[in-house]
Amino acid sequence: MANYQRGPGDIEWNNVVAEVFARDVNRCRAQRVFRVAEWQEFKMHAPRTLIATLDPAHVIPASKAGHMVYDVDNVVVMNRWSHDKLDHNRSPVNGKNLTKEEVHQWWARIVGVEKYKELLMRASRGPAMEEKDADNE
């Protein structure tokens, strides 16, 4: 089984993180799509320290698509509270339980419907197809 733990010594991961934070202008992608009422509810539930802490978050988890770990399209900047909640099938707004479909809806809001569909398709195709497609370009 592959090791999906990235760390400070992983130069490729550090480069991905730098590119993602630059692309997302050091701002949480989840918070950008919150509606006014969601924002108010979020501020009531999420601790300030976890709102202020920004993480690189995989849209398609590394455990489900290891071949996409270093794919900048599969990583977004997210506040630590919302990141943890979505990783555990909970609302990034209030921490309430979500169905799998609701988690998919959140990711589609965060990255955009078409980008999310593309990521799901690429994840399902696996690494062999990704490499084959790259060879044909």
N, C-alpha and C. Protein backbone atom coordinates (compact mmCIF):
# COMPACT_ATOMS: atom_id res chain seq x y z
N MET A 1 0.84 -1.19 0.00
CA MET A 1 0.00 0.00 0.00
C MET A 1 0.88 1.25 0.00
N ALA A 2 0.53 2.22 -0.78
CA ALA A 2 1.31 3.45 -0.90
C ALA A 2 1.17 4.30 0.35
N ASN A 3 2.18 5.09 0.62
CA ASN A 3 2.16 6.02 1.75
C ASN A 3 1.66 7.36 1.25
N TYR A 4 0.51 7.79 1.76
CA TYR A 4 -0.09 9.03 1.30
C TYR A 4 0.20 10.19 2.24
N GLN A 5 1.08 9.99 3.22
CA GLN A 5 1.41 11.07 4.14
C GLN A 5 2.46 11.97 3.50
N ARG A 6 2.07 13.21 3.31
CA ARG A 6 3.00 14.16 2.75
C ARG A 6 3.60 14.97 3.89
N GLY A 7 4.82 15.43 3.71
CA GLY A 7 5.46 16.19 4.79
C GLY A 7 6.42 17.22 4.26
N PRO A 8 7.10 17.89 5.18
CA PRO A 8 7.99 19.00 4.79
C PRO A 8 9.12 18.57 3.87
N GLY A 9 9.54 17.32 3.93
CA GLY A 9 10.62 16.85 3.07
C GLY A 9 10.18 16.43 1.67
N ASP A 10 8.90 16.46 1.42
CA ASP A 10 8.35 16.03 0.13
C ASP A 10 8.31 17.24 -0.80
N ILE A 11 9.33 17.38 -1.62
CA ILE A 11 9.47 18.56 -2.48
C ILE A 11 8.32 18.68 -3.46
N GLU A 12 7.90 17.56 -4.03
CA GLU A 12 6.79 17.61 -4.99
C GLU A 12 5.52 18.13 -4.30
N TRP A 13 5.24 17.63 -3.10
CA TRP A 13 4.06 18.09 -2.35
C TRP A 13 4.18 19.57 -2.01
N ASN A 14 5.36 20.00 -1.58
CA ASN A 14 5.58 21.41 -1.26
C ASN A 14 5.31 22.30 -2.48
N ASN A 15 5.71 21.84 -3.65
CA ASN A 15 5.45 22.59 -4.88
C ASN A 15 3.96 22.65 -5.19
N VAL A 16 3.25 21.54 -5.00
CA VAL A 16 1.79 21.52 -5.21
C VAL A 16 1.12 22.50 -4.26
N VAL A 17 1.49 22.45 -2.99
CA VAL A 17 0.88 23.34 -1.99
C VAL A 17 1.13 24.80 -2.35
N ALA A 18 2.35 25.13 -2.74
CA ALA A 18 2.66 26.52 -3.11
C ALA A 18 1.81 26.97 -4.30
N GLU A 19 1.67 26.11 -5.30
CA GLU A 19 0.88 26.45 -6.48
C GLU A 19 -0.60 26.61 -6.13
N VAL A 20 -1.12 25.72 -5.28
CA VAL A 20 -2.54 25.77 -4.89
C VAL A 20 -2.82 27.03 -4.07
N PHE A 21 -1.96 27.35 -3.11
CA PHE A 21 -2.18 28.54 -2.29
C PHE A 21 -2.08 29.80 -3.14
N ALA A 22 -1.19 29.83 -4.12
CA ALA A 22 -1.11 30.99 -5.02
C ALA A 22 -2.38 31.09 -5.87
N ARG A 23 -2.80 29.96 -6.44
CA ARG A 23 -4.02 29.95 -7.27
C ARG A 23 -5.24 30.42 -6.47
N ASP A 24 -5.36 29.94 -5.23
CA ASP A 24 -6.52 30.26 -4.41
C ASP A 24 -6.34 31.54 -3.59
N VAL A 25 -5.25 32.25 -3.83
CA VAL A 25 -4.94 33.54 -3.21
C VAL A 25 -5.03 33.43 -1.67
N ASN A 26 -4.52 32.32 -1.15
CA ASN A 26 -4.49 32.10 0.31
C ASN A 26 -5.85 32.27 0.96
N ARG A 27 -6.90 31.88 0.26
CA ARG A 27 -8.27 32.00 0.79
C ARG A 27 -8.98 30.66 0.70
N CYS A 28 -9.76 30.38 1.72
CA CYS A 28 -10.53 29.14 1.78
C CYS A 28 -11.57 29.09 0.67
N ARG A 29 -11.54 28.01 -0.10
CA ARG A 29 -12.50 27.86 -1.19
C ARG A 29 -13.91 27.58 -0.68
N ALA A 30 -14.04 26.89 0.44
CA ALA A 30 -15.37 26.61 0.99
C ALA A 30 -16.05 27.90 1.42
N GLN A 31 -15.33 28.74 2.13
CA GLN A 31 -15.92 29.98 2.62
C GLN A 31 -16.36 30.89 1.48
N ARG A 32 -15.74 30.78 0.35
CA ARG A 32 -16.11 31.60 -0.80
C ARG A 32 -17.51 31.28 -1.32
N VAL A 33 -17.97 30.05 -1.08
CA VAL A 33 -19.28 29.65 -1.61
C VAL A 33 -20.38 29.65 -0.55
N PHE A 34 -20.03 29.99 0.68
CA PHE A 34 -21.06 30.05 1.72
C PHE A 34 -22.06 31.15 1.40
N ARG A 35 -23.32 30.85 1.59
CA ARG A 35 -24.36 31.87 1.49
C ARG A 35 -24.35 32.67 2.79
N VAL A 36 -25.03 33.80 2.84
CA VAL A 36 -25.00 34.67 4.02
C VAL A 36 -25.42 33.91 5.27
N ALA A 37 -26.53 33.19 5.22
CA ALA A 37 -27.00 32.44 6.38
C ALA A 37 -26.00 31.35 6.78
N GLU A 38 -25.37 30.70 5.79
CA GLU A 38 -24.36 29.68 6.08
C GLU A 38 -23.16 30.30 6.77
N TRP A 39 -22.76 31.48 6.30
CA TRP A 39 -21.62 32.17 6.90
C TRP A 39 -21.89 32.50 8.37
N GLN A 40 -23.09 32.97 8.66
CA GLN A 40 -23.46 33.29 10.03
C GLN A 40 -23.44 32.03 10.91
N GLU A 41 -24.00 30.96 10.39
CA GLU A 41 -24.02 29.70 11.13
C GLU A 41 -22.60 29.15 11.32
N PHE A 42 -21.79 29.23 10.28
CA PHE A 42 -20.40 28.79 10.34
C PHE A 42 -19.66 29.50 11.46
N LYS A 43 -19.81 30.81 11.56
CA LYS A 43 -19.11 31.59 12.59
C LYS A 43 -19.56 31.19 14.00
N MET A 44 -20.79 30.70 14.13
CA MET A 44 -21.28 30.27 15.44
C MET A 44 -20.68 28.91 15.85
N HIS A 45 -20.34 28.06 14.89
CA HIS A 45 -19.90 26.70 15.18
C HIS A 45 -18.38 26.51 15.13
N ALA A 46 -17.73 27.13 14.19
CA ALA A 46 -16.30 26.87 13.97
C ALA A 46 -15.42 27.74 14.87
N PRO A 47 -14.48 27.12 15.57
CA PRO A 47 -13.54 27.90 16.38
C PRO A 47 -12.67 28.81 15.50
N ARG A 48 -12.44 30.01 15.97
CA ARG A 48 -11.66 30.98 15.18
C ARG A 48 -10.28 30.46 14.78
N THR A 49 -9.64 29.74 15.68
CA THR A 49 -8.30 29.24 15.35
C THR A 49 -8.34 28.27 14.18
N LEU A 50 -9.41 27.47 14.08
CA LEU A 50 -9.52 26.52 12.98
C LEU A 50 -10.00 27.18 11.70
N ILE A 51 -10.72 28.29 11.83
CA ILE A 51 -11.10 29.07 10.64
C ILE A 51 -9.86 29.72 10.05
N ALA A 52 -8.99 30.21 10.92
CA ALA A 52 -7.80 30.94 10.48
C ALA A 52 -6.70 30.02 9.94
N THR A 53 -6.75 28.75 10.29
CA THR A 53 -5.73 27.80 9.83
C THR A 53 -6.15 27.25 8.48
N LEU A 54 -5.31 27.46 7.48
CA LEU A 54 -5.61 27.00 6.12
C LEU A 54 -4.79 25.77 5.78
N ASP A 55 -5.46 24.79 5.19
CA ASP A 55 -4.83 23.53 4.80
C ASP A 55 -5.00 23.29 3.31
N PRO A 56 -4.09 22.53 2.72
CA PRO A 56 -4.35 21.99 1.38
C PRO A 56 -5.28 20.79 1.55
N ALA A 57 -6.40 20.79 0.87
CA ALA A 57 -7.40 19.72 1.01
C ALA A 57 -7.61 19.01 -0.31
N HIS A 58 -7.56 17.69 -0.29
CA HIS A 58 -7.85 16.91 -1.49
C HIS A 58 -9.35 16.83 -1.71
N VAL A 59 -9.77 17.12 -2.92
CA VAL A 59 -11.17 16.99 -3.30
C VAL A 59 -11.52 15.50 -3.34
N ILE A 60 -10.79 14.75 -4.12
CA ILE A 60 -10.91 13.29 -4.13
C ILE A 60 -9.81 12.79 -3.19
N PRO A 61 -10.18 12.12 -2.10
CA PRO A 61 -9.19 11.73 -1.10
C PRO A 61 -8.05 10.88 -1.67
N ALA A 62 -6.87 11.08 -1.11
CA ALA A 62 -5.71 10.30 -1.53
C ALA A 62 -5.95 8.81 -1.34
N SER A 63 -6.73 8.45 -0.35
CA SER A 63 -7.01 7.03 -0.11
C SER A 63 -7.85 6.41 -1.21
N LYS A 64 -8.56 7.24 -1.97
CA LYS A 64 -9.41 6.73 -3.06
C LYS A 64 -8.79 6.95 -4.44
N ALA A 65 -7.84 7.87 -4.52
CA ALA A 65 -7.21 8.17 -5.81
C ALA A 65 -5.77 8.59 -5.58
N GLY A 66 -4.97 7.63 -5.17
CA GLY A 66 -3.57 7.91 -4.87
C GLY A 66 -2.82 8.53 -6.04
N HIS A 67 -3.24 8.19 -7.26
CA HIS A 67 -2.59 8.74 -8.44
C HIS A 67 -2.86 10.24 -8.61
N MET A 68 -3.78 10.79 -7.80
CA MET A 68 -4.12 12.21 -7.92
C MET A 68 -3.61 13.03 -6.74
N VAL A 69 -2.77 12.45 -5.91
CA VAL A 69 -2.27 13.13 -4.72
C VAL A 69 -1.58 14.45 -5.07
N TYR A 70 -0.78 14.46 -6.12
CA TYR A 70 -0.01 15.65 -6.50
C TYR A 70 -0.66 16.45 -7.63
N ASP A 71 -1.91 16.20 -7.88
CA ASP A 71 -2.65 16.89 -8.94
C ASP A 71 -3.21 18.19 -8.39
N VAL A 72 -2.71 19.33 -8.86
CA VAL A 72 -3.16 20.62 -8.32
C VAL A 72 -4.65 20.86 -8.53
N ASP A 73 -5.24 20.25 -9.54
CA ASP A 73 -6.69 20.38 -9.74
C ASP A 73 -7.48 19.67 -8.64
N ASN A 74 -6.85 18.71 -7.98
CA ASN A 74 -7.50 17.92 -6.94
C ASN A 74 -7.23 18.46 -5.53
N VAL A 75 -6.59 19.60 -5.43
CA VAL A 75 -6.26 20.17 -4.13
C VAL A 75 -6.75 21.62 -4.09
N VAL A 76 -7.38 21.99 -2.98
CA VAL A 76 -7.85 23.36 -2.77
C VAL A 76 -7.44 23.83 -1.39
N VAL A 77 -7.41 25.14 -1.22
CA VAL A 77 -7.17 25.71 0.10
C VAL A 77 -8.48 25.67 0.87
N MET A 78 -8.42 25.18 2.11
CA MET A 78 -9.63 25.10 2.92
C MET A 78 -9.27 25.34 4.39
N ASN A 79 -10.17 26.03 5.09
CA ASN A 79 -9.93 26.21 6.53
C ASN A 79 -9.98 24.84 7.20
N ARG A 80 -9.22 24.71 8.27
CA ARG A 80 -9.06 23.39 8.89
C ARG A 80 -10.38 22.82 9.40
N TRP A 81 -11.28 23.65 9.92
CA TRP A 81 -12.53 23.14 10.47
C TRP A 81 -13.39 22.53 9.37
N SER A 82 -13.59 23.27 8.28
CA SER A 82 -14.41 22.77 7.17
C SER A 82 -13.77 21.56 6.51
N HIS A 83 -12.45 21.58 6.38
CA HIS A 83 -11.71 20.46 5.80
C HIS A 83 -11.96 19.19 6.61
N ASP A 84 -11.78 19.28 7.92
CA ASP A 84 -12.00 18.12 8.78
C ASP A 84 -13.45 17.64 8.70
N LYS A 85 -14.39 18.57 8.68
CA LYS A 85 -15.79 18.17 8.64
C LYS A 85 -16.12 17.44 7.35
N LEU A 86 -15.72 17.98 6.21
CA LEU A 86 -16.01 17.31 4.93
C LEU A 86 -15.32 15.95 4.84
N ASP A 87 -14.10 15.86 5.38
CA ASP A 87 -13.39 14.58 5.38
C ASP A 87 -14.13 13.51 6.18
N HIS A 88 -14.98 13.94 7.09
CA HIS A 88 -15.72 13.00 7.94
C HIS A 88 -17.22 13.04 7.68
N ASN A 89 -17.59 13.40 6.44
CA ASN A 89 -19.00 13.42 6.01
C ASN A 89 -19.88 14.29 6.89
N ARG A 90 -19.36 15.46 7.18
CA ARG A 90 -20.11 16.43 7.98
C ARG A 90 -20.14 17.77 7.24
N SER A 91 -21.10 18.57 7.59
CA SER A 91 -21.25 19.86 6.93
C SER A 91 -20.08 20.78 7.25
N PRO A 92 -19.53 21.43 6.22
CA PRO A 92 -18.44 22.40 6.46
C PRO A 92 -18.94 23.68 7.12
N VAL A 93 -20.26 23.80 7.25
CA VAL A 93 -20.87 24.98 7.87
C VAL A 93 -21.11 24.76 9.36
N ASN A 94 -21.77 23.64 9.70
CA ASN A 94 -22.19 23.45 11.09
C ASN A 94 -21.78 22.11 11.70
N GLY A 95 -21.12 21.27 10.94
CA GLY A 95 -20.64 20.00 11.46
C GLY A 95 -21.68 18.89 11.53
N LYS A 96 -22.90 19.14 11.04
CA LYS A 96 -23.94 18.11 11.08
C LYS A 96 -23.64 17.02 10.05
N ASN A 97 -24.11 15.81 10.35
CA ASN A 97 -23.89 14.67 9.45
C ASN A 97 -24.46 14.95 8.07
N LEU A 98 -23.73 14.47 7.05
CA LEU A 98 -24.17 14.59 5.66
C LEU A 98 -24.24 13.21 5.04
N THR A 99 -25.10 13.07 4.06
CA THR A 99 -25.10 11.85 3.24
C THR A 99 -23.93 11.96 2.25
N LYS A 100 -23.59 10.86 1.61
CA LYS A 100 -22.54 10.91 0.59
C LYS A 100 -22.92 11.87 -0.53
N GLU A 101 -24.18 11.86 -0.90
CA GLU A 101 -24.66 12.76 -1.96
C GLU A 101 -24.47 14.22 -1.55
N GLU A 102 -24.75 14.53 -0.30
CA GLU A 102 -24.58 15.92 0.18
C GLU A 102 -23.10 16.32 0.19
N VAL A 103 -22.23 15.38 0.52
CA VAL A 103 -20.78 15.66 0.45
C VAL A 103 -20.40 15.96 -0.99
N HIS A 104 -20.91 15.16 -1.94
CA HIS A 104 -20.64 15.41 -3.37
C HIS A 104 -21.15 16.80 -3.78
N GLN A 105 -22.32 17.16 -3.28
CA GLN A 105 -22.88 18.49 -3.61
C GLN A 105 -21.99 19.61 -3.08
N TRP A 106 -21.44 19.43 -1.89
CA TRP A 106 -20.53 20.45 -1.36
C TRP A 106 -19.29 20.58 -2.24
N TRP A 107 -18.68 19.45 -2.59
CA TRP A 107 -17.48 19.54 -3.42
C TRP A 107 -17.79 20.17 -4.78
N ALA A 108 -18.95 19.87 -5.34
CA ALA A 108 -19.34 20.49 -6.61
C ALA A 108 -19.49 22.00 -6.45
N ARG A 109 -20.01 22.45 -5.33
CA ARG A 109 -20.11 23.90 -5.06
C ARG A 109 -18.72 24.51 -4.92
N ILE A 110 -17.84 23.82 -4.23
CA ILE A 110 -16.52 24.37 -3.91
C ILE A 110 -15.64 24.48 -5.14
N VAL A 111 -15.59 23.43 -5.96
CA VAL A 111 -14.70 23.45 -7.12
C VAL A 111 -15.41 23.71 -8.43
N GLY A 112 -16.73 23.69 -8.42
CA GLY A 112 -17.50 23.84 -9.65
C GLY A 112 -17.96 22.48 -10.14
N VAL A 113 -19.16 22.44 -10.67
CA VAL A 113 -19.78 21.18 -11.08
C VAL A 113 -18.94 20.46 -12.14
N GLU A 114 -18.54 21.17 -13.19
CA GLU A 114 -17.79 20.51 -14.27
C GLU A 114 -16.43 20.01 -13.80
N LYS A 115 -15.72 20.80 -13.00
CA LYS A 115 -14.41 20.37 -12.49
C LYS A 115 -14.58 19.15 -11.59
N TYR A 116 -15.63 19.14 -10.77
CA TYR A 116 -15.86 18.01 -9.87
C TYR A 116 -16.17 16.74 -10.68
N LYS A 117 -17.00 16.85 -11.70
CA LYS A 117 -17.30 15.70 -12.56
C LYS A 117 -16.02 15.16 -13.21
N GLU A 118 -15.18 16.08 -13.68
CA GLU A 118 -13.92 15.68 -14.29
C GLU A 118 -13.02 14.94 -13.29
N LEU A 119 -12.92 15.46 -12.07
CA LEU A 119 -12.09 14.82 -11.05
C LEU A 119 -12.62 13.43 -10.70
N LEU A 120 -13.94 13.30 -10.57
CA LEU A 120 -14.53 11.99 -10.28
C LEU A 120 -14.23 11.00 -11.41
N MET A 121 -14.34 11.46 -12.64
CA MET A 121 -14.07 10.59 -13.78
C MET A 121 -12.60 10.15 -13.77
N ARG A 122 -11.71 11.09 -13.56
CA ARG A 122 -10.28 10.76 -13.54
C ARG A 122 -9.94 9.82 -12.40
N ALA A 123 -10.59 10.02 -11.25
CA ALA A 123 -10.34 9.14 -10.10
C ALA A 123 -10.79 7.72 -10.41
N SER A 124 -11.93 7.59 -11.07
CA SER A 124 -12.47 6.26 -11.35
C SER A 124 -11.67 5.52 -12.42
N ARG A 125 -10.98 6.27 -13.27
CA ARG A 125 -10.21 5.65 -14.35
C ARG A 125 -8.90 5.07 -13.85
N GLY A 126 -8.37 5.58 -12.76
CA GLY A 126 -7.15 5.03 -12.18
C GLY A 126 -5.90 5.54 -12.86
N PRO A 127 -4.75 5.19 -12.27
CA PRO A 127 -3.47 5.72 -12.75
C PRO A 127 -3.06 5.23 -14.13
N ALA A 128 -3.41 4.01 -14.48
CA ALA A 128 -3.01 3.49 -15.79
C ALA A 128 -3.61 4.32 -16.92
N MET A 129 -4.87 4.68 -16.80
CA MET A 129 -5.52 5.49 -17.83
C MET A 129 -4.97 6.92 -17.84
N GLU A 130 -4.63 7.46 -16.67
CA GLU A 130 -4.05 8.81 -16.61
C GLU A 130 -2.73 8.83 -17.38
N GLU A 131 -1.90 7.82 -17.16
CA GLU A 131 -0.61 7.75 -17.85
C GLU A 131 -0.80 7.56 -19.35
N LYS A 132 -1.74 6.72 -19.74
CA LYS A 132 -2.01 6.46 -21.15
C LYS A 132 -2.49 7.76 -21.83
N ASP A 133 -3.39 8.49 -21.18
CA ASP A 133 -3.88 9.75 -21.73
C ASP A 133 -2.74 10.75 -21.90
N ALA A 134 -1.83 10.80 -20.92
CA ALA A 134 -0.70 11.73 -20.98
C ALA A 134 0.24 11.37 -22.12
N ASP A 135 0.42 10.07 -22.37
CA ASP A 135 1.27 9.63 -23.47
C ASP A 135 0.68 10.00 -24.83
N ASN A 136 -0.65 10.09 -24.92
CA ASN A 136 -1.31 10.39 -26.19
C ASN A 136 -1.38 11.89 -26.47
N GLU A 137 -1.01 12.72 -25.52
CA GLU A 137 -1.10 14.17 -25.74
C GLU A 137 0.07 14.70 -26.51
